[in-house]
Amino acid sequence: LPEDDRPAFFGLPANIERSSQRIISSQVISQLRVLSRS
């Protein structure tokens, strides 16, 4: 099996991965903003 957990393996639509990536991206951006403070 591939290393990445593909949405199709869990019976989920492919675009659900885009939603997950958006959430993770928002969390990363928020953390970077905290780190960017002097």
All heavy atoms as atom14 arrays in JSON, in Angstrom:
{
  "sequence": "LPEDDRPAFFGLPANIERSSQRIISSQVISQLRVLSRS",
  "atom14_mask": [
    [1, 1, 1, 1, 1, 1, 1, 1, 0, 0, 0, 0, 0, 0],
    [1, 1, 1, 1, 1, 1, 1, 0, 0, 0, 0, 0, 0, 0],
    [1, 1, 1, 1, 1, 1, 1, 1, 1, 0, 0, 0, 0, 0],
    [1, 1, 1, 1, 1, 1, 1, 1, 0, 0, 0, 0, 0, 0],
    [1, 1, 1, 1, 1, 1, 1, 1, 0, 0, 0, 0, 0, 0],
    [1, 1, 1, 1, 1, 1, 1, 1, 1, 1, 1, 0, 0, 0],
    [1, 1, 1, 1, 1, 1, 1, 0, 0, 0, 0, 0, 0, 0],
    [1, 1, 1, 1, 1, 0, 0, 0, 0, 0, 0, 0, 0, 0],
    [1, 1, 1, 1, 1, 1, 1, 1, 1, 1, 1, 0, 0, 0],
    [1, 1, 1, 1, 1, 1, 1, 1, 1, 1, 1, 0, 0, 0],
    [1, 1, 1, 1, 0, 0, 0, 0, 0, 0, 0, 0, 0, 0],
    [1, 1, 1, 1, 1, 1, 1, 1, 0, 0, 0, 0, 0, 0],
    [1, 1, 1, 1, 1, 1, 1, 0, 0, 0, 0, 0, 0, 0],
    [1, 1, 1, 1, 1, 0, 0, 0, 0, 0, 0, 0, 0, 0],
    [1, 1, 1, 1, 1, 1, 1, 1, 0, 0, 0, 0, 0, 0],
    [1, 1, 1, 1, 1, 1, 1, 1, 0, 0, 0, 0, 0, 0],
    [1, 1, 1, 1, 1, 1, 1, 1, 1, 0, 0, 0, 0, 0],
    [1, 1, 1, 1, 1, 1, 1, 1, 1, 1, 1, 0, 0, 0],
    [1, 1, 1, 1, 1, 1, 0, 0, 0, 0, 0, 0, 0, 0],
    [1, 1, 1, 1, 1, 1, 0, 0, 0, 0, 0, 0, 0, 0],
    [1, 1, 1, 1, 1, 1, 1, 1, 1, 0, 0, 0, 0, 0],
    [1, 1, 1, 1, 1, 1, 1, 1, 1, 1, 1, 0, 0, 0],
    [1, 1, 1, 1, 1, 1, 1, 1, 0, 0, 0, 0, 0, 0],
    [1, 1, 1, 1, 1, 1, 1, 1, 0, 0, 0, 0, 0, 0],
    [1, 1, 1, 1, 1, 1, 0, 0, 0, 0, 0, 0, 0, 0],
    [1, 1, 1, 1, 1, 1, 0, 0, 0, 0, 0, 0, 0, 0],
    [1, 1, 1, 1, 1, 1, 1, 1, 1, 0, 0, 0, 0, 0],
    [1, 1, 1, 1, 1, 1, 1, 0, 0, 0, 0, 0, 0, 0],
    [1, 1, 1, 1, 1, 1, 1, 1, 0, 0, 0, 0, 0, 0],
    [1, 1, 1, 1, 1, 1, 0, 0, 0, 0, 0, 0, 0, 0],
    [1, 1, 1, 1, 1, 1, 1, 1, 1, 0, 0, 0, 0, 0],
    [1, 1, 1, 1, 1, 1, 1, 1, 0, 0, 0, 0, 0, 0],
    [1, 1, 1, 1, 1, 1, 1, 1, 1, 1, 1, 0, 0, 0],
    [1, 1, 1, 1, 1, 1, 1, 0, 0, 0, 0, 0, 0, 0],
    [1, 1, 1, 1, 1, 1, 1, 1, 0, 0, 0, 0, 0, 0],
    [1, 1, 1, 1, 1, 1, 0, 0, 0, 0, 0, 0, 0, 0],
    [1, 1, 1, 1, 1, 1, 1, 1, 1, 1, 1, 0, 0, 0],
    [1, 1, 1, 1, 1, 1, 0, 0, 0, 0, 0, 0, 0, 0]
  ],
  "atom14_positions": [
    [[0.84, -1.19, 0.0], [0.0, 0.0, 0.0], [0.88, 1.25, 0.0], [1.97, 1.26, 0.59], [-0.91, 0.02, 1.23], [-2.04, -1.01, 1.26], [-2.77, -0.95, 2.61], [-3.04, -0.76, 0.13], [0.0, 0.0, 0.0], [0.0, 0.0, 0.0], [0.0, 0.0, 0.0], [0.0, 0.0, 0.0], [0.0, 0.0, 0.0], [0.0, 0.0, 0.0]],
    [[0.46, 2.32, -0.65], [1.26, 3.56, -0.66], [1.35, 4.17, 0.73], [0.52, 3.92, 1.6], [0.48, 4.47, -1.62], [-0.92, 3.94, -1.61], [-0.8, 2.46, -1.42], [0.0, 0.0, 0.0], [0.0, 0.0, 0.0], [0.0, 0.0, 0.0], [0.0, 0.0, 0.0], [0.0, 0.0, 0.0], [0.0, 0.0, 0.0], [0.0, 0.0, 0.0]],
    [[2.39, 4.97, 0.94], [2.62, 5.58, 2.24], [1.54, 6.59, 2.6], [1.18, 6.75, 3.77], [3.99, 6.25, 2.28], [5.17, 5.29, 2.21], [5.26, 4.39, 3.43], [4.82, 4.82, 4.51], [5.76, 3.26, 3.29], [0.0, 0.0, 0.0], [0.0, 0.0, 0.0], [0.0, 0.0, 0.0], [0.0, 0.0, 0.0], [0.0, 0.0, 0.0]],
    [[1.02, 7.31, 1.61], [0.01, 8.33, 1.89], [-1.37, 7.68, 1.96], [-1.69, 6.75, 1.23], [0.02, 9.41, 0.8], [-0.25, 8.83, -0.58], [0.35, 7.78, -0.89], [-1.07, 9.4, -1.32], [0.0, 0.0, 0.0], [0.0, 0.0, 0.0], [0.0, 0.0, 0.0], [0.0, 0.0, 0.0], [0.0, 0.0, 0.0], [0.0, 0.0, 0.0]],
    [[-2.18, 8.17, 2.89], [-3.55, 7.67, 3.07], [-4.48, 8.38, 2.09], [-4.94, 9.49, 2.35], [-4.01, 7.9, 4.51], [-3.2, 7.09, 5.5], [-2.75, 6.0, 5.13], [-3.02, 7.55, 6.64], [0.0, 0.0, 0.0], [0.0, 0.0, 0.0], [0.0, 0.0, 0.0], [0.0, 0.0, 0.0], [0.0, 0.0, 0.0], [0.0, 0.0, 0.0]],
    [[-4.74, 7.75, 0.98], [-5.57, 8.36, -0.04], [-7.04, 8.33, 0.38], [-7.51, 7.34, 0.94], [-5.37, 7.63, -1.37], [-3.93, 7.69, -1.86], [-3.73, 6.85, -3.11], [-2.32, 6.87, -3.52], [-1.84, 6.15, -4.52], [-2.65, 5.37, -5.23], [-0.55, 6.21, -4.82], [0.0, 0.0, 0.0], [0.0, 0.0, 0.0], [0.0, 0.0, 0.0]],
    [[-7.78, 9.38, 0.1], [-9.2, 9.44, 0.5], [-10.02, 8.27, -0.04], [-10.92, 7.78, 0.63], [-9.67, 10.77, -0.09], [-8.44, 11.61, -0.21], [-7.34, 10.65, -0.51], [0.0, 0.0, 0.0], [0.0, 0.0, 0.0], [0.0, 0.0, 0.0], [0.0, 0.0, 0.0], [0.0, 0.0, 0.0], [0.0, 0.0, 0.0], [0.0, 0.0, 0.0]],
    [[-9.69, 7.8, -1.25], [-10.45, 6.71, -1.85], [-10.36, 5.43, -1.02], [-11.28, 4.61, -1.02], [-9.95, 6.44, -3.27], [0.0, 0.0, 0.0], [0.0, 0.0, 0.0], [0.0, 0.0, 0.0], [0.0, 0.0, 0.0], [0.0, 0.0, 0.0], [0.0, 0.0, 0.0], [0.0, 0.0, 0.0], [0.0, 0.0, 0.0], [0.0, 0.0, 0.0]],
    [[-9.27, 5.26, -0.28], [-9.11, 4.07, 0.55], [-10.16, 4.02, 1.65], [-10.46, 2.95, 2.18], [-7.71, 4.03, 1.17], [-6.61, 3.77, 0.18], [-5.29, 3.86, 0.57], [-6.9, 3.44, -1.13], [-4.26, 3.62, -0.35], [-5.89, 3.2, -2.06], [-4.58, 3.29, -1.66], [0.0, 0.0, 0.0], [0.0, 0.0, 0.0], [0.0, 0.0, 0.0]],
    [[-10.69, 5.18, 2.02], [-11.66, 5.25, 3.1], [-13.06, 5.55, 2.59], [-13.95, 5.92, 3.36], [-11.24, 6.33, 4.11], [-9.88, 6.1, 4.69], [-8.75, 6.69, 4.12], [-9.7, 5.27, 5.79], [-7.49, 6.46, 4.65], [-8.44, 5.04, 6.32], [-7.33, 5.63, 5.75], [0.0, 0.0, 0.0], [0.0, 0.0, 0.0], [0.0, 0.0, 0.0]],
    [[-13.23, 5.42, 1.29], [-14.54, 5.68, 0.71], [-14.92, 7.14, 0.68], [-16.1, 7.49, 0.63], [0.0, 0.0, 0.0], [0.0, 0.0, 0.0], [0.0, 0.0, 0.0], [0.0, 0.0, 0.0], [0.0, 0.0, 0.0], [0.0, 0.0, 0.0], [0.0, 0.0, 0.0], [0.0, 0.0, 0.0], [0.0, 0.0, 0.0], [0.0, 0.0, 0.0]],
    [[-13.92, 8.01, 0.69], [-14.16, 9.45, 0.7], [-13.89, 10.04, -0.69], [-13.08, 9.5, -1.45], [-13.25, 10.14, 1.73], [-13.44, 9.68, 3.18], [-12.37, 10.3, 4.06], [-14.83, 10.05, 3.69], [0.0, 0.0, 0.0], [0.0, 0.0, 0.0], [0.0, 0.0, 0.0], [0.0, 0.0, 0.0], [0.0, 0.0, 0.0], [0.0, 0.0, 0.0]],
    [[-14.56, 11.15, -1.03], [-14.31, 11.78, -2.33], [-12.91, 12.37, -2.39], [-12.31, 12.73, -1.37], [-15.37, 12.88, -2.41], [-15.73, 13.16, -0.98], [-15.6, 11.86, -0.26], [0.0, 0.0, 0.0], [0.0, 0.0, 0.0], [0.0, 0.0, 0.0], [0.0, 0.0, 0.0], [0.0, 0.0, 0.0], [0.0, 0.0, 0.0], [0.0, 0.0, 0.0]],
    [[-12.38, 12.51, -3.61], [-11.01, 12.99, -3.79], [-10.82, 14.41, -3.29], [-9.75, 14.78, -2.81], [-10.62, 12.88, -5.26], [0.0, 0.0, 0.0], [0.0, 0.0, 0.0], [0.0, 0.0, 0.0], [0.0, 0.0, 0.0], [0.0, 0.0, 0.0], [0.0, 0.0, 0.0], [0.0, 0.0, 0.0], [0.0, 0.0, 0.0], [0.0, 0.0, 0.0]],
    [[-11.88, 15.25, -3.39], [-11.72, 16.65, -3.01], [-11.64, 16.85, -1.5], [-11.4, 17.95, -1.02], [-12.85, 17.51, -3.59], [-14.22, 17.08, -3.07], [-14.33, 16.12, -2.31], [-15.25, 17.78, -3.49], [0.0, 0.0, 0.0], [0.0, 0.0, 0.0], [0.0, 0.0, 0.0], [0.0, 0.0, 0.0], [0.0, 0.0, 0.0], [0.0, 0.0, 0.0]],
    [[-11.88, 15.77, -0.72], [-11.77, 15.91, 0.73], [-10.33, 16.18, 1.13], [-10.05, 16.81, 2.14], [-12.3, 14.64, 1.43], [-12.61, 14.92, 2.91], [-11.3, 13.5, 1.32], [-13.78, 15.82, 3.12], [0.0, 0.0, 0.0], [0.0, 0.0, 0.0], [0.0, 0.0, 0.0], [0.0, 0.0, 0.0], [0.0, 0.0, 0.0], [0.0, 0.0, 0.0]],
    [[-9.4, 15.7, 0.29], [-7.98, 15.93, 0.57], [-7.64, 17.42, 0.46], [-6.81, 17.93, 1.22], [-7.11, 15.11, -0.37], [-5.64, 15.15, -0.03], [-4.83, 14.18, -0.86], [-5.4, 13.6, -1.8], [-3.64, 14.01, -0.58], [0.0, 0.0, 0.0], [0.0, 0.0, 0.0], [0.0, 0.0, 0.0], [0.0, 0.0, 0.0], [0.0, 0.0, 0.0]],
    [[-8.31, 18.11, -0.47], [-8.07, 19.55, -0.61], [-8.52, 20.29, 0.64], [-7.83, 21.2, 1.11], [-8.83, 20.07, -1.84], [-8.64, 21.57, -2.08], [-9.43, 22.02, -3.3], [-9.02, 21.31, -4.51], [-9.61, 21.47, -5.68], [-10.63, 22.3, -5.81], [-9.17, 20.81, -6.74], [0.0, 0.0, 0.0], [0.0, 0.0, 0.0], [0.0, 0.0, 0.0]],
    [[-9.65, 19.88, 1.2], [-10.14, 20.52, 2.43], [-9.16, 20.27, 3.57], [-8.87, 21.19, 4.36], [-11.52, 19.97, 2.79], [-12.45, 20.23, 1.78], [0.0, 0.0, 0.0], [0.0, 0.0, 0.0], [0.0, 0.0, 0.0], [0.0, 0.0, 0.0], [0.0, 0.0, 0.0], [0.0, 0.0, 0.0], [0.0, 0.0, 0.0], [0.0, 0.0, 0.0]],
    [[-8.65, 19.05, 3.66], [-7.68, 18.74, 4.71], [-6.41, 19.56, 4.55], [-5.86, 20.08, 5.52], [-7.35, 17.25, 4.67], [-6.34, 16.92, 5.59], [0.0, 0.0, 0.0], [0.0, 0.0, 0.0], [0.0, 0.0, 0.0], [0.0, 0.0, 0.0], [0.0, 0.0, 0.0], [0.0, 0.0, 0.0], [0.0, 0.0, 0.0], [0.0, 0.0, 0.0]],
    [[-5.95, 19.71, 3.31], [-4.74, 20.49, 3.06], [-4.95, 21.96, 3.42], [-4.03, 22.63, 3.91], [-4.33, 20.35, 1.59], [-3.81, 18.96, 1.23], [-3.53, 18.81, -0.25], [-3.91, 19.65, -1.06], [-2.85, 17.73, -0.62], [0.0, 0.0, 0.0], [0.0, 0.0, 0.0], [0.0, 0.0, 0.0], [0.0, 0.0, 0.0], [0.0, 0.0, 0.0]],
    [[-6.16, 22.48, 3.16], [-6.45, 23.88, 3.51], [-6.4, 24.08, 5.02], [-5.85, 25.08, 5.52], [-7.83, 24.27, 2.98], [-7.86, 24.5, 1.47], [-9.26, 24.85, 1.01], [-9.29, 25.16, -0.42], [-10.4, 25.41, -1.1], [-11.57, 25.38, -0.47], [-10.34, 25.67, -2.39], [0.0, 0.0, 0.0], [0.0, 0.0, 0.0], [0.0, 0.0, 0.0]],
    [[-6.96, 23.13, 5.77], [-6.94, 23.23, 7.23], [-5.51, 23.19, 7.75], [-5.1, 24.0, 8.59], [-7.79, 22.11, 7.85], [-9.26, 22.28, 7.47], [-7.62, 22.09, 9.36], [-10.15, 21.14, 7.94], [0.0, 0.0, 0.0], [0.0, 0.0, 0.0], [0.0, 0.0, 0.0], [0.0, 0.0, 0.0], [0.0, 0.0, 0.0], [0.0, 0.0, 0.0]],
    [[-4.73, 22.23, 7.23], [-3.33, 22.11, 7.67], [-2.54, 23.36, 7.29], [-1.73, 23.86, 8.07], [-2.7, 20.86, 7.05], [-3.38, 19.6, 7.58], [-1.2, 20.81, 7.35], [-2.89, 18.33, 6.93], [0.0, 0.0, 0.0], [0.0, 0.0, 0.0], [0.0, 0.0, 0.0], [0.0, 0.0, 0.0], [0.0, 0.0, 0.0], [0.0, 0.0, 0.0]],
    [[-2.8, 23.9, 6.09], [-2.1, 25.11, 5.65], [-2.42, 26.29, 6.57], [-1.53, 27.08, 6.93], [-2.49, 25.46, 4.21], [-2.12, 24.43, 3.32], [0.0, 0.0, 0.0], [0.0, 0.0, 0.0], [0.0, 0.0, 0.0], [0.0, 0.0, 0.0], [0.0, 0.0, 0.0], [0.0, 0.0, 0.0], [0.0, 0.0, 0.0], [0.0, 0.0, 0.0]],
    [[-3.69, 26.41, 6.96], [-4.08, 27.5, 7.86], [-3.38, 27.36, 9.21], [-2.93, 28.37, 9.79], [-5.61, 27.49, 8.06], [-6.28, 27.72, 6.83], [0.0, 0.0, 0.0], [0.0, 0.0, 0.0], [0.0, 0.0, 0.0], [0.0, 0.0, 0.0], [0.0, 0.0, 0.0], [0.0, 0.0, 0.0], [0.0, 0.0, 0.0], [0.0, 0.0, 0.0]],
    [[-3.25, 26.13, 9.69], [-2.57, 25.92, 10.96], [-1.09, 26.27, 10.85], [-0.53, 26.9, 11.76], [-2.73, 24.46, 11.39], [-4.17, 24.08, 11.75], [-4.33, 22.6, 12.04], [-3.45, 21.79, 11.72], [-5.43, 22.24, 12.65], [0.0, 0.0, 0.0], [0.0, 0.0, 0.0], [0.0, 0.0, 0.0], [0.0, 0.0, 0.0], [0.0, 0.0, 0.0]],
    [[-0.47, 25.9, 9.73], [0.95, 26.2, 9.53], [1.17, 27.71, 9.44], [2.1, 28.26, 10.04], [1.48, 25.51, 8.26], [2.89, 25.99, 7.94], [1.47, 24.0, 8.44], [0.0, 0.0, 0.0], [0.0, 0.0, 0.0], [0.0, 0.0, 0.0], [0.0, 0.0, 0.0], [0.0, 0.0, 0.0], [0.0, 0.0, 0.0], [0.0, 0.0, 0.0]],
    [[0.29, 28.39, 8.7], [0.41, 29.85, 8.56], [0.26, 30.52, 9.91], [0.99, 31.46, 10.25], [-0.66, 30.37, 7.56], [-0.33, 29.89, 6.15], [-0.72, 31.9, 7.6], [-1.4, 30.23, 5.13], [0.0, 0.0, 0.0], [0.0, 0.0, 0.0], [0.0, 0.0, 0.0], [0.0, 0.0, 0.0], [0.0, 0.0, 0.0], [0.0, 0.0, 0.0]],
    [[-0.7, 30.04, 10.71], [-0.91, 30.61, 12.05], [0.33, 30.42, 12.91], [0.75, 31.33, 13.64], [-2.13, 29.95, 12.7], [-2.31, 30.42, 14.01], [0.0, 0.0, 0.0], [0.0, 0.0, 0.0], [0.0, 0.0, 0.0], [0.0, 0.0, 0.0], [0.0, 0.0, 0.0], [0.0, 0.0, 0.0], [0.0, 0.0, 0.0], [0.0, 0.0, 0.0]],
    [[0.94, 29.23, 12.84], [2.15, 28.98, 13.62], [3.32, 29.83, 13.13], [4.13, 30.31, 13.94], [2.5, 27.49, 13.54], [1.48, 26.59, 14.22], [1.7, 25.13, 13.94], [2.55, 24.77, 13.11], [0.94, 24.27, 14.58], [0.0, 0.0, 0.0], [0.0, 0.0, 0.0], [0.0, 0.0, 0.0], [0.0, 0.0, 0.0], [0.0, 0.0, 0.0]],
    [[3.41, 30.03, 11.81], [4.49, 30.86, 11.27], [4.34, 32.31, 11.72], [5.33, 33.0, 11.95], [4.51, 30.78, 9.74], [4.97, 29.45, 9.15], [4.83, 29.47, 7.63], [6.42, 29.18, 9.53], [0.0, 0.0, 0.0], [0.0, 0.0, 0.0], [0.0, 0.0, 0.0], [0.0, 0.0, 0.0], [0.0, 0.0, 0.0], [0.0, 0.0, 0.0]],
    [[3.08, 32.77, 11.84], [2.86, 34.13, 12.3], [3.34, 34.31, 13.74], [3.9, 35.34, 14.1], [1.38, 34.48, 12.19], [0.9, 34.73, 10.75], [-0.6, 34.93, 10.69], [-1.02, 35.24, 9.32], [-2.29, 35.3, 8.94], [-3.26, 35.06, 9.82], [-2.59, 35.58, 7.69], [0.0, 0.0, 0.0], [0.0, 0.0, 0.0], [0.0, 0.0, 0.0]],
    [[3.12, 33.27, 14.54], [3.61, 33.34, 15.92], [5.13, 33.37, 15.94], [5.74, 34.15, 16.67], [3.08, 32.13, 16.73], [3.72, 32.1, 18.12], [1.56, 32.2, 16.84], [0.0, 0.0, 0.0], [0.0, 0.0, 0.0], [0.0, 0.0, 0.0], [0.0, 0.0, 0.0], [0.0, 0.0, 0.0], [0.0, 0.0, 0.0], [0.0, 0.0, 0.0]],
    [[5.74, 32.53, 15.09], [7.2, 32.48, 15.05], [7.81, 33.75, 14.47], [8.95, 34.1, 14.77], [7.66, 31.27, 14.23], [7.35, 29.89, 14.82], [7.75, 28.8, 13.84], [8.05, 29.71, 16.15], [0.0, 0.0, 0.0], [0.0, 0.0, 0.0], [0.0, 0.0, 0.0], [0.0, 0.0, 0.0], [0.0, 0.0, 0.0], [0.0, 0.0, 0.0]],
    [[7.01, 34.43, 13.62], [7.55, 35.62, 12.97], [7.65, 36.81, 13.92], [8.31, 37.79, 13.61], [6.66, 36.0, 11.78], [5.37, 36.41, 12.22], [0.0, 0.0, 0.0], [0.0, 0.0, 0.0], [0.0, 0.0, 0.0], [0.0, 0.0, 0.0], [0.0, 0.0, 0.0], [0.0, 0.0, 0.0], [0.0, 0.0, 0.0], [0.0, 0.0, 0.0]],
    [[6.96, 36.71, 15.07], [7.1, 37.79, 16.04], [8.54, 37.85, 16.51], [9.2, 36.84, 16.72], [6.18, 37.57, 17.25], [4.7, 37.53, 16.9], [3.9, 37.58, 18.18], [2.49, 37.4, 17.93], [1.85, 36.26, 18.13], [2.49, 35.23, 18.63], [0.57, 36.15, 17.86], [0.0, 0.0, 0.0], [0.0, 0.0, 0.0], [0.0, 0.0, 0.0]],
    [[9.02, 39.03, 16.71], [10.4, 39.2, 17.12], [10.64, 38.52, 18.46], [9.92, 38.74, 19.43], [10.73, 40.7, 17.24], [12.02, 40.88, 17.77], [0.0, 0.0, 0.0], [0.0, 0.0, 0.0], [0.0, 0.0, 0.0], [0.0, 0.0, 0.0], [0.0, 0.0, 0.0], [0.0, 0.0, 0.0], [0.0, 0.0, 0.0], [0.0, 0.0, 0.0]]
  ]
}
